[in-house]
Amino acid sequence: MSETLQYIFSGITIGSIYAIRGIGFNVIYSTTGVLNLAQGEFVMLGGMVAVSLSHVVPSPWPWRVLSWL
């Protein structure tokens, strides 16, 4: 049962990240008319900063659990 809940929350988290990326591609393409593929770099940069800060800055318990995923 605990593995099933972990898979559900992991799937929702990853799906949310894909949805936000897709919305970002859509907004940029709608406003400029150019497909900006460099947006993935910003997503990667944000993830790297979040992981780096999670090891340095003390944070509440739920954030630490999410950073282990």
Protein backbone atom coordinates (compact mmCIF):
# COMPACT_ATOMS: atom_id res chain seq x y z
CA MET A 1 0.00 0.00 0.00
CA SER A 2 2.79 2.45 0.83
CA GLU A 3 4.50 1.76 -2.51
CA THR A 4 1.26 2.45 -4.34
CA LEU A 5 0.88 5.82 -2.61
CA GLN A 6 4.49 6.65 -3.39
CA TYR A 7 3.95 5.81 -7.08
CA ILE A 8 0.80 7.92 -7.16
CA PHE A 9 2.48 10.97 -5.60
CA SER A 10 5.57 10.53 -7.77
CA GLY A 11 3.41 10.32 -10.89
CA ILE A 12 1.46 13.43 -9.93
CA THR A 13 4.70 15.31 -9.25
CA ILE A 14 6.34 14.34 -12.52
CA GLY A 15 3.12 14.94 -14.45
CA SER A 16 2.83 18.40 -12.93
CA ILE A 17 6.36 19.24 -14.02
CA TYR A 18 5.59 18.09 -17.58
CA ALA A 19 2.35 20.11 -17.57
CA ILE A 20 4.15 23.27 -16.42
CA ARG A 21 6.78 22.80 -19.12
CA GLY A 22 4.08 22.30 -21.74
CA ILE A 23 2.21 25.41 -20.63
CA GLY A 24 5.49 27.34 -20.79
CA PHE A 25 6.13 26.16 -24.36
CA ASN A 26 2.57 27.11 -25.29
CA VAL A 27 2.77 30.60 -23.76
CA ILE A 28 6.09 31.38 -25.41
CA TYR A 29 4.98 30.05 -28.80
CA SER A 30 1.66 31.92 -28.60
CA THR A 31 3.28 35.26 -27.81
CA THR A 32 6.37 35.13 -30.02
CA GLY A 33 5.52 32.60 -32.71
CA VAL A 34 8.91 30.97 -32.16
CA LEU A 35 9.42 27.57 -30.54
CA ASN A 36 11.97 28.18 -27.79
CA LEU A 37 13.67 24.86 -27.00
CA ALA A 38 16.03 26.50 -24.49
CA GLN A 39 13.24 26.43 -21.92
CA GLY A 40 14.39 22.98 -20.78
CA GLU A 41 17.63 24.58 -19.66
CA PHE A 42 15.73 26.82 -17.26
CA VAL A 43 13.85 23.81 -15.85
CA MET A 44 17.15 21.99 -15.32
CA LEU A 45 18.69 25.07 -13.72
CA GLY A 46 15.76 25.42 -11.32
CA GLY A 47 16.04 21.77 -10.33
CA MET A 48 19.78 22.02 -9.73
CA VAL A 49 19.36 25.14 -7.59
CA ALA A 50 16.58 23.49 -5.56
CA VAL A 51 18.68 20.38 -4.88
CA SER A 52 21.75 22.45 -4.01
CA LEU A 53 19.78 24.62 -1.61
CA SER A 54 18.09 21.63 -0.01
CA HIS A 55 21.51 20.40 1.14
CA VAL A 56 22.65 23.78 2.48
CA VAL A 57 19.58 25.59 3.85
CA PRO A 58 17.67 23.95 6.71
CA SER A 59 14.12 23.39 5.55
CA PRO A 60 10.86 21.95 6.85
CA TRP A 61 10.36 18.20 6.86
CA PRO A 62 8.06 17.86 3.77
CA TRP A 63 10.54 19.65 1.52
CA ARG A 64 13.31 17.21 2.54
CA VAL A 65 11.06 14.27 1.74
CA LEU A 66 10.30 15.69 -1.72
CA SER A 67 13.97 16.41 -2.38
CA TRP A 68 14.81 12.71 -1.91
CA LEU A 69 12.58 11.70 -4.84
